[in-house]
Protein backbone atom coordinates (compact mmCIF):
# COMPACT_ATOMS: atom_id res chain seq x y z
CA MET A 1 40.98 12.69 -40.56
CA ALA A 2 43.76 10.03 -40.89
CA ASN A 3 43.17 6.10 -41.16
CA LYS A 4 40.06 6.39 -43.52
CA ILE A 5 39.14 3.21 -44.94
CA LYS A 6 36.11 1.59 -46.79
CA PHE A 7 34.24 -0.21 -43.62
CA THR A 8 33.30 -3.53 -44.11
CA ALA A 9 31.79 -6.20 -41.45
CA GLY A 10 35.25 -7.84 -41.81
CA ARG A 11 37.44 -4.93 -42.01
CA VAL A 12 35.55 -3.75 -38.76
CA ALA A 13 35.83 -6.39 -36.65
CA GLY A 14 39.62 -6.75 -37.52
CA PHE A 15 40.56 -3.17 -36.15
CA GLU A 16 42.78 -3.32 -33.33
CA CYS A 17 44.48 -0.15 -31.17
CA GLU A 18 47.63 1.02 -32.26
CA SER A 19 50.52 -0.41 -29.81
CA GLY A 20 51.34 1.94 -26.81
CA LYS A 21 48.15 4.01 -27.30
CA GLN A 22 45.20 4.33 -25.09
CA GLN A 23 42.45 4.50 -28.10
CA PHE A 24 42.76 4.25 -32.09
CA PHE A 25 40.22 5.59 -34.48
CA TYR A 26 39.02 4.44 -38.31
CA TRP A 27 36.82 6.54 -40.34
CA ASP A 28 34.60 5.35 -43.48
CA LEU A 29 35.42 6.54 -46.63
CA GLU A 30 31.82 5.99 -47.69
CA THR A 31 30.04 7.58 -44.63
CA PRO A 32 30.87 11.22 -43.73
CA CYS A 33 31.65 11.30 -40.43
CA LEU A 34 31.27 7.50 -39.12
CA GLY A 35 34.04 6.35 -37.03
CA VAL A 36 35.06 3.26 -35.03
CA ARG A 37 36.72 3.97 -31.79
CA VAL A 38 39.08 1.02 -30.50
CA SER A 39 40.40 1.15 -27.11
CA SER A 40 43.75 -0.48 -25.75
CA THR A 41 41.59 -3.14 -24.04
CA GLY A 42 40.02 -4.14 -27.57
CA ARG A 43 36.52 -2.41 -27.06
CA LYS A 44 35.12 -1.32 -30.26
CA THR A 45 32.65 1.47 -30.59
CA TYR A 46 31.15 3.26 -33.03
CA ILE A 47 30.89 7.18 -33.05
CA PHE A 48 29.89 10.28 -34.82
CA GLU A 49 32.27 13.15 -35.17
CA GLY A 50 31.12 15.96 -37.42
CA ARG A 51 30.75 20.11 -37.23
CA VAL A 52 27.47 21.27 -36.49
CA SER A 53 26.20 24.64 -38.58
CA GLY A 54 27.41 27.69 -37.02
CA ARG A 55 30.05 26.11 -34.93
CA THR A 56 33.90 25.95 -35.48
CA SER A 57 34.99 23.06 -33.42
CA PRO A 58 33.83 19.44 -34.35
CA ARG A 59 30.94 17.54 -32.14
CA ARG A 60 31.47 13.89 -30.99
CA VAL A 61 29.04 11.40 -29.93
CA THR A 62 29.00 7.68 -29.00
CA ILE A 63 26.47 5.54 -31.63
CA GLY A 64 26.85 2.26 -29.82
CA ASP A 65 28.85 -1.07 -29.62
CA LEU A 66 30.12 -3.00 -32.17
CA ARG A 67 28.58 -6.15 -30.52
CA THR A 68 25.10 -4.65 -30.82
CA TRP A 69 25.14 -2.53 -33.79
CA ALA A 70 25.42 -3.47 -37.42
CA LEU A 71 27.35 -1.88 -39.94
CA GLY A 72 24.40 -0.72 -41.86
CA ASP A 73 22.76 0.54 -39.18
CA ALA A 74 25.66 2.60 -37.80
CA GLN A 75 26.08 4.06 -41.16
CA ASN A 76 22.38 5.16 -41.21
CA GLU A 77 22.37 6.55 -37.68
CA ALA A 78 25.82 8.78 -38.73
CA ARG A 79 23.75 9.80 -41.73
CA ARG A 80 21.38 11.00 -39.70
CA LEU A 81 23.18 12.78 -37.07
CA LYS A 82 24.97 14.32 -40.11
CA SER A 83 21.43 15.52 -41.42
CA GLU A 84 20.49 16.94 -38.05
CA ALA A 85 24.07 19.03 -37.48
CA ASP A 86 23.90 20.45 -40.79
CA GLN A 87 20.69 21.92 -39.79
CA GLY A 88 22.30 23.21 -36.49
CA ILE A 89 21.29 20.96 -34.05
CA ASP A 90 23.94 19.48 -31.69
CA PRO A 91 24.25 15.64 -31.27
CA VAL A 92 26.08 16.22 -28.02
CA VAL A 93 23.02 18.54 -26.45
CA LYS A 94 20.52 16.64 -28.02
CA ALA A 95 22.04 13.30 -26.73
CA ILE A 96 22.00 15.05 -22.99
CA GLU A 97 18.18 16.15 -23.48
CA GLN A 98 17.07 12.68 -24.32
CA ALA A 99 19.32 10.93 -21.47
CA HIS A 100 17.56 13.74 -19.23
CA GLU A 101 13.87 12.84 -20.66
CA VAL A 102 14.60 8.96 -20.28
CA LEU A 103 15.67 9.73 -16.29
CA VAL A 104 12.68 12.45 -15.99
CA LYS A 105 10.07 9.61 -17.47
CA LYS A 106 11.53 7.02 -15.12
CA ALA A 107 11.42 9.01 -12.34
CA GLU A 108 7.61 10.04 -12.89
CA GLY A 109 7.17 6.41 -12.97
CA LEU A 110 8.64 5.55 -9.66
CA ALA A 111 6.73 8.44 -8.26
CA LYS A 112 3.51 6.91 -9.67
CA LYS A 113 3.99 3.51 -7.73
CA LEU A 114 5.96 5.77 -4.30
CA GLN A 115 3.60 5.21 -1.61
CA VAL A 116 2.90 7.30 1.22
CA LYS A 117 4.50 5.36 3.96
CA THR A 118 7.93 5.48 1.86
CA ALA A 119 7.49 9.84 2.59
CA TRP A 120 6.33 9.36 5.98
CA ASN A 121 9.01 7.11 7.06
CA GLU A 122 11.18 9.63 5.77
CA TYR A 123 9.39 12.34 7.45
CA ILE A 124 9.57 10.87 11.08
CA LYS A 125 13.57 10.11 10.14
CA TYR A 126 13.95 13.82 9.73
CA GLN A 127 11.80 14.56 13.29
CA GLU A 128 13.78 12.05 15.24
CA ASP A 129 17.20 13.28 14.07
CA LYS A 130 15.80 17.18 14.96
CA MET A 131 15.29 16.30 18.29
CA THR A 132 18.84 15.09 18.79
CA ARG A 133 20.18 18.24 17.81
CA GLU A 134 20.50 20.14 21.43
CA HIS A 135 20.99 23.86 19.71
CA ILE A 136 17.23 23.26 18.61
CA GLU A 137 15.07 24.98 21.69
CA ARG A 138 12.12 22.84 22.85
CA GLY A 139 8.91 23.82 21.08
CA LYS A 140 10.77 23.81 17.68
CA LYS A 141 11.27 20.23 17.54
CA TRP A 142 9.23 16.88 19.10
CA GLY A 143 9.14 15.80 22.30
CA ALA A 144 9.22 11.91 23.34
CA ARG A 145 4.94 12.07 23.47
CA HIS A 146 4.71 13.33 20.48
CA LEU A 147 6.88 10.94 18.37
CA LYS A 148 4.85 8.10 20.20
CA ASP A 149 1.55 9.52 19.34
CA HIS A 150 2.64 9.40 15.62
CA LYS A 151 3.73 5.97 15.98
CA ASN A 152 0.67 4.93 17.62
CA LEU A 153 -1.67 6.54 15.42
CA THR A 154 0.35 4.53 12.44
CA GLN A 155 0.46 1.46 13.77
CA ALA A 156 -1.09 -1.62 11.95
CA GLY A 157 -2.73 -3.06 14.93
CA GLY A 158 -3.42 -6.89 16.11
CA GLU A 159 -0.59 -7.28 18.56
CA ILE A 160 -0.97 -8.42 22.00
CA ARG A 161 -0.86 -5.16 24.39
CA LYS A 162 1.60 -5.02 26.91
CA ARG A 163 -1.31 -4.99 29.85
CA SER A 164 -3.89 -6.90 28.91
CA LYS A 165 -4.58 -9.80 26.60
CA GLU A 166 -6.71 -7.15 24.10
CA LEU A 167 -5.25 -6.89 20.59
CA THR A 168 -3.79 -3.46 19.62
CA LYS A 169 -6.23 -1.25 17.11
CA GLN A 170 -4.84 -0.28 13.88
CA GLY A 171 -4.10 3.41 13.93
CA VAL A 172 -6.55 6.12 12.22
CA LEU A 173 -3.59 7.12 9.94
CA TYR A 174 -2.60 3.55 9.21
CA PRO A 175 -4.90 3.60 5.81
CA LEU A 176 -3.41 6.48 4.46
CA LEU A 177 0.12 5.28 4.49
CA GLN A 178 -0.93 2.19 2.32
CA GLU A 179 -2.21 4.67 -0.38
CA ARG A 180 0.10 6.13 -3.31
CA MET A 181 1.06 9.92 -3.13
CA VAL A 182 -0.40 10.86 -6.37
CA ASP A 183 -3.50 8.83 -5.22
CA ILE A 184 -4.11 11.82 -2.24
CA ASN A 185 -6.39 14.22 -2.97
CA PRO A 186 -9.08 16.08 -1.34
CA ALA A 187 -11.63 13.49 -1.60
CA THR A 188 -9.50 10.56 -0.68
CA LEU A 189 -9.11 12.73 2.66
CA ALA A 190 -12.52 13.34 2.99
CA SER A 191 -13.90 9.94 2.76
CA TRP A 192 -11.17 8.71 5.34
CA GLN A 193 -12.58 11.19 7.31
CA LYS A 194 -16.02 10.11 7.12
CA VAL A 195 -15.28 6.47 7.84
CA GLU A 196 -12.61 7.26 10.98
CA ALA A 197 -14.98 10.06 12.71
CA THR A 198 -17.87 7.94 13.00
CA THR A 199 -16.10 5.87 15.41
CA ARG A 200 -13.01 7.72 17.08
CA ALA A 201 -13.53 11.21 16.37
CA ASN A 202 -10.98 12.69 18.49
CA ASN A 203 -8.33 10.45 16.87
CA ALA A 204 -9.76 11.46 13.39
CA ARG A 205 -9.28 15.09 14.13
CA GLN A 206 -5.80 14.18 15.90
CA GLY A 207 -4.69 12.01 12.58
CA PHE A 208 -5.59 14.73 9.91
CA GLU A 209 -3.55 17.49 12.02
CA MET A 210 -0.77 15.11 12.19
CA PHE A 211 -1.24 14.49 8.28
CA ARG A 212 -1.55 17.97 7.48
CA ALA A 213 1.55 18.78 8.64
CA PHE A 214 3.11 16.10 7.30
CA TRP A 215 1.93 16.90 3.63
CA ARG A 216 3.10 20.31 4.33
CA TRP A 217 6.45 19.09 5.11
CA CYS A 218 6.60 17.07 1.66
CA ALA A 219 5.40 20.04 -0.34
CA LEU A 220 8.32 22.15 0.60
CA ARG A 221 10.56 19.06 -0.77
CA PRO A 222 10.86 18.74 -4.83
CA GLU A 223 11.55 15.12 -4.43
CA TYR A 224 7.81 14.89 -3.57
CA ALA A 225 6.28 18.12 -4.46
CA LYS A 226 6.18 17.67 -8.17
CA PHE A 227 3.64 14.52 -8.13
CA MET A 228 1.41 15.25 -5.14
CA ASP A 229 -1.66 17.28 -4.82
CA ILE A 230 0.13 19.91 -2.69
CA LYS A 231 -3.09 22.02 -1.58
CA ALA A 232 -5.10 18.67 -0.99
CA VAL A 233 -4.95 19.11 2.97
CA GLU A 234 -5.99 22.91 2.67
CA ASN A 235 -9.61 21.70 0.56
CA LYS A 236 -12.43 23.71 2.82
CA GLU A 237 -14.99 20.53 1.93
CA LEU A 238 -12.30 18.34 3.59
CA ARG A 239 -12.16 20.48 6.52
CA ASP A 240 -15.67 20.27 6.89
CA GLU A 241 -15.64 16.74 7.48
CA VAL A 242 -12.87 17.06 10.42
CA PRO A 243 -14.45 16.67 13.60
CA SER A 244 -13.85 19.73 15.79
CA ARG A 245 -12.14 19.81 19.18
CA LYS A 246 -14.19 18.57 21.89
CA SER A 247 -14.87 21.16 24.40
CA LYS A 248 -12.79 21.79 27.43
CA ARG A 249 -15.01 23.46 29.26
CA PHE A 250 -16.15 20.24 31.77
CA ASP A 251 -12.31 18.47 31.24
CA SER A 252 -11.65 19.61 35.08
CA LEU A 253 -12.55 19.24 38.45
CA ASP A 254 -14.85 21.34 40.44
CA LYS A 255 -15.18 22.35 43.79
CA ALA A 256 -17.69 20.45 45.11
CA GLN A 257 -15.70 17.49 43.85
CA LEU A 258 -12.44 17.41 45.59
CA SER A 259 -13.73 15.77 48.54
CA ALA A 260 -14.78 12.50 46.57
CA TRP A 261 -11.96 12.75 44.42
CA PHE A 262 -9.14 13.01 46.74
CA LYS A 263 -10.97 10.19 49.03
CA ALA A 264 -11.09 7.93 46.05
CA VAL A 265 -7.44 8.89 44.99
CA CYS A 266 -6.17 8.16 48.44
CA SER A 267 -7.66 4.79 48.32
CA LEU A 268 -6.14 3.35 44.99
CA GLY A 269 -3.76 1.58 47.21
CA ASN A 270 -0.53 2.47 44.86
CA LYS A 271 1.26 5.60 46.88
CA SER A 272 2.93 6.16 43.76
CA ALA A 273 -0.14 6.68 41.24
CA SER A 274 -2.04 8.60 44.13
CA GLY A 275 0.94 10.94 45.00
CA TYR A 276 1.22 11.58 41.37
CA LEU A 277 -2.22 12.57 40.77
CA GLN A 278 -2.35 14.69 43.50
CA CYS A 279 0.67 16.47 42.78
CA LEU A 280 -0.57 17.46 39.41
CA LEU A 281 -3.86 19.00 40.74
CA LEU A 282 -1.56 21.17 43.71
CA THR A 283 1.21 21.83 41.10
CA GLY A 284 -0.64 22.45 37.70
CA ALA A 285 2.39 20.63 36.00
CA ARG A 286 2.24 18.85 32.76
CA ARG A 287 1.59 15.15 32.78
CA GLU A 288 5.07 14.18 31.36
CA GLU A 289 6.59 17.05 33.40
CA MET A 290 5.62 15.26 36.79
CA ALA A 291 6.08 11.65 35.32
CA HIS A 292 9.62 12.51 35.08
CA LEU A 293 10.43 14.06 38.22
CA LEU A 294 13.98 12.63 39.97
CA TRP A 295 14.62 12.89 43.47
CA VAL A 296 17.34 15.22 42.49
CA ASP A 297 15.23 17.41 41.49
CA ILE A 298 13.55 18.28 44.89
CA ASN A 299 15.33 20.45 47.16
CA PHE A 300 13.99 19.54 51.02
CA GLN A 301 16.16 22.42 52.77
CA PHE A 302 14.92 25.07 50.64
CA ASP A 303 11.33 23.86 49.78
CA THR A 304 11.99 24.11 45.99
CA ILE A 305 10.99 21.55 42.92
CA PHE A 306 12.58 21.77 39.78
CA ILE A 307 10.57 21.17 36.95
CA ARG A 308 11.37 20.09 33.43
CA ASP A 309 10.25 22.91 31.64
CA LYS A 310 9.07 22.51 27.34
CA VAL A 311 8.75 26.57 27.49
CA GLU A 312 11.26 28.14 29.36
CA ALA A 313 14.74 28.50 27.49
CA ASP A 314 16.87 26.67 29.82
CA GLY A 315 14.03 23.64 30.23
CA ILE A 316 13.92 24.21 33.95
CA ARG A 317 11.07 25.78 35.87
CA ARG A 318 11.15 26.38 39.61
CA ILE A 319 8.11 25.64 41.69
CA PRO A 320 7.87 25.52 45.28
CA LEU A 321 7.75 22.94 47.68
CA THR A 322 4.42 23.51 49.60
CA PRO A 323 4.24 21.63 52.91
CA TYR A 324 1.55 19.28 52.23
CA LEU A 325 3.65 18.12 48.93
CA LYS A 326 6.67 17.84 51.06
CA GLU A 327 5.06 15.01 53.46
CA LEU A 328 3.61 13.49 50.39
CA PHE A 329 7.14 13.19 49.16
CA GLY A 330 8.24 12.00 52.29
CA ARG A 331 5.88 9.01 52.21
CA LEU A 332 6.67 7.58 48.69
CA GLU A 333 9.19 4.45 48.47
CA ARG A 334 12.83 5.54 46.74
CA ARG A 335 12.93 2.31 44.71
CA ASN A 336 15.24 4.21 42.16
CA GLU A 337 16.09 7.70 40.86
CA TRP A 338 12.20 8.44 40.30
CA VAL A 339 9.81 10.16 42.39
CA PHE A 340 6.80 8.66 40.78
CA SER A 341 8.25 5.03 40.45
CA SER A 342 7.09 2.14 39.34
CA THR A 343 7.81 -1.77 39.55
CA ASP A 344 5.72 -2.54 36.49
CA SER A 345 7.23 -0.33 33.69
CA LYS A 346 10.39 -0.90 31.93
CA SER A 347 11.43 2.50 32.53
CA GLY A 348 11.22 2.09 36.20
CA ARG A 349 8.68 5.34 36.59
CA ILE A 350 5.04 5.90 36.18
CA VAL A 351 4.04 5.45 32.39
CA GLU A 352 0.45 5.26 31.86
CA PRO A 353 -1.03 7.30 34.91
CA ALA A 354 -4.58 7.45 33.02
CA HIS A 355 -6.20 4.28 34.13
CA PHE A 356 -5.56 5.03 37.69
CA HIS A 357 -7.18 8.26 37.42
CA ALA A 358 -10.17 6.56 35.62
CA LYS A 359 -10.48 4.09 38.40
CA ALA A 360 -10.15 6.78 40.85
CA LEU A 361 -13.10 8.67 39.10
CA ALA A 362 -15.11 5.51 38.95
CA LEU A 363 -15.06 4.83 42.60
CA ALA A 364 -15.43 8.25 43.45
CA GLY A 365 -18.93 8.62 40.95
CA LEU A 366 -17.30 11.84 38.97
CA PRO A 367 -17.56 12.41 35.51
CA HIS A 368 -14.57 11.65 33.11
CA VAL A 369 -11.54 14.18 33.55
CA THR A 370 -8.45 13.81 31.74
CA ILE A 371 -4.95 13.95 33.13
CA HIS A 372 -4.39 17.15 31.46
CA GLY A 373 -7.48 18.21 32.91
CA LEU A 374 -6.27 18.13 36.60
CA ARG A 375 -3.64 21.04 35.28
CA ARG A 376 -7.16 22.94 33.89
CA SER A 377 -8.30 22.07 37.37
CA PHE A 378 -5.60 24.09 38.91
CA ILE A 379 -6.04 27.14 36.79
CA SER A 380 -9.26 27.24 37.22
CA LEU A 381 -9.40 26.37 41.10
CA ALA A 382 -6.36 28.91 41.77
CA GLU A 383 -9.34 31.81 41.40
CA TRP A 384 -10.95 30.52 44.70
CA VAL A 385 -7.88 32.30 46.17
CA GLU A 386 -7.40 35.03 43.77
CA MET A 387 -4.17 33.95 42.81
CA PRO A 388 -3.02 36.44 40.69
CA ILE A 389 -2.63 35.10 36.74
CA GLY A 390 0.96 35.80 36.50
CA VAL A 391 1.57 33.44 39.66
CA VAL A 392 -0.42 30.96 37.91
CA ALA A 393 1.22 31.13 34.63
CA GLN A 394 4.81 30.75 36.20
CA ILE A 395 3.79 28.10 38.44
CA THR A 396 2.35 26.17 35.68
CA GLY A 397 4.88 27.03 33.17
CA HIS A 398 2.70 28.81 30.85
CA SER A 399 4.37 31.35 28.11
CA PRO A 400 4.59 34.91 29.66
CA SER A 401 1.55 37.07 28.81
CA ALA A 402 2.05 40.54 28.89
CA THR A 403 -1.81 41.26 27.96
CA ALA A 404 -2.95 39.44 30.60
CA GLU A 405 -1.01 41.23 33.41
CA LYS A 406 -0.34 44.25 31.50
CA HIS A 407 3.19 44.06 32.31
CA TYR A 408 4.84 40.40 32.67
CA LYS A 409 7.38 40.02 35.52
CA SER A 410 8.71 36.85 37.28
CA ARG A 411 8.40 36.40 40.87
CA PRO A 412 10.76 35.29 43.45
CA ILE A 413 10.01 31.77 44.61
CA GLU A 414 9.28 32.73 47.94
CA LEU A 415 6.36 35.00 46.68
CA LEU A 416 5.33 31.93 44.96
CA GLY A 417 5.40 29.87 47.88
CA ILE A 418 2.98 31.97 49.78
CA TRP A 419 0.40 31.70 47.00
CA GLN A 420 0.78 27.97 46.25
CA SER A 421 0.44 27.20 49.78
CA LYS A 422 -2.81 29.38 50.46
CA TYR A 423 -3.85 27.23 47.29
CA GLU A 424 -2.83 24.05 48.75
CA ALA A 425 -4.63 24.75 52.09
CA TRP A 426 -7.70 25.76 50.48
CA ILE A 427 -8.04 22.58 48.32
CA LEU A 428 -7.07 20.58 51.45
CA GLU A 429 -10.11 22.27 53.03
CA GLN A 430 -12.60 21.58 50.49
CA ALA A 431 -11.51 17.99 50.41
CA GLY A 432 -11.76 17.68 54.10
CA VAL A 433 -8.08 16.46 54.42
CA GLU A 434 -6.95 17.28 57.75
CA PHE A 435 -3.38 18.52 57.66
CA SER A 436 -1.24 20.86 60.08
CA PRO A 437 2.35 21.52 59.14
CA SER A 438 3.20 21.46 62.51
CA ASN A 439 2.76 18.10 63.71
CA ALA A 440 6.07 16.99 62.03
CA HIS A 441 5.23 13.12 61.01
CA GLU A 442 1.81 13.21 61.57
CA LYS A 443 0.91 16.30 59.57
CA ILE A 444 -1.01 13.99 57.20
CA LYS A 445 -3.13 11.17 58.67
CA PRO A 446 -4.20 8.13 56.37
CA ILE A 447 -6.71 9.22 54.05
CA SER A 448 -9.12 6.29 55.55
CA VAL A 449 -9.37 8.08 58.61
CA PHE A 450 -11.44 10.80 56.93
CA TYR A 451 -13.34 8.87 54.99
CA LYS A 452 -14.94 6.23 56.83
């Protein structure tokens, strides 16, 4: 090595880079392999350079800056590295391993502090991004309603409601989001379920199902998987604590309840809400499908309604526009593009129909039936007119079932219209609604005429 000189504190402090070079090296005569690298900017660094046993080319590593390393300490470090090199320990490899170990420990430390809500927010962003990709089929990505449910169940609560002076309640998932990822285990989740199930069993079950999907998503990502109990949501004792789904046997209208139901719904004083509820019962459409119905989706000339379907590949299904529905639509106000418009919502369409239905059920003295229960009612009541199960599935937008019909077939809209009109006429008969398709605009008399 050139530029060998016995290092002293004074000499080292005076080292300079040779003119015209980017860096220049000085080597200590007394300490093997110890050098000082001086850059053109004047920075000075202690370095070690030596051969590792079994290798022909020398290895070089940085010991440290002259401003933070005393000469004696640098000499001792060089001797230690030389001793290890003689034993075949590569200082470069060791330095990389040590740096990696530091990063791992740092990452582990951060992971132990990582809150569930941090990963949850990434999960929601992932799902929202997926929702924007048009090439992904509906059913393989979230819908707006599903996203809203996730946000509702994680809300902190305590905010004034839009439609009342009451405060919003804390979402069932909110407590879990405040926990650290490393603290989530079967015992933690079981304790959470015990508390929530006592006051809101359905929300507790729904919250668990959402959290389980989220936890499984985290388990597929290396940045989370290493620091979490992947099988925490799969524990049998935990699942025993999760409330079961309530039976849906009674979440529908019976034949004997139709008269009281129609009388109450038609006396709501809100044509849009009244028409919306009747349409759900007469078509079996899903809640949001009917809420998003536009005037351009109705073809009055060819008696067809185009429904935005979440199952159909093209996102659209055609159903018949039956005589009663045609007259019903004709009596609605065209305030905007929405068929079931609303002056109370920002979107301009009906958003929360449940409270209208609850009011109607109370007026009729009927037990609770959900909005989705009206869809179930269509499916069950259709049996009274012996509507083929394949027709029911096609009208309601259920996935094709070859086992139900032996061989699934898509029927023309005219044939669907025959069956749906038959069903509609039977429903109106049971409800005591006087309706004659031959009377033009006199086809539907005000419901108050029939129930005085």
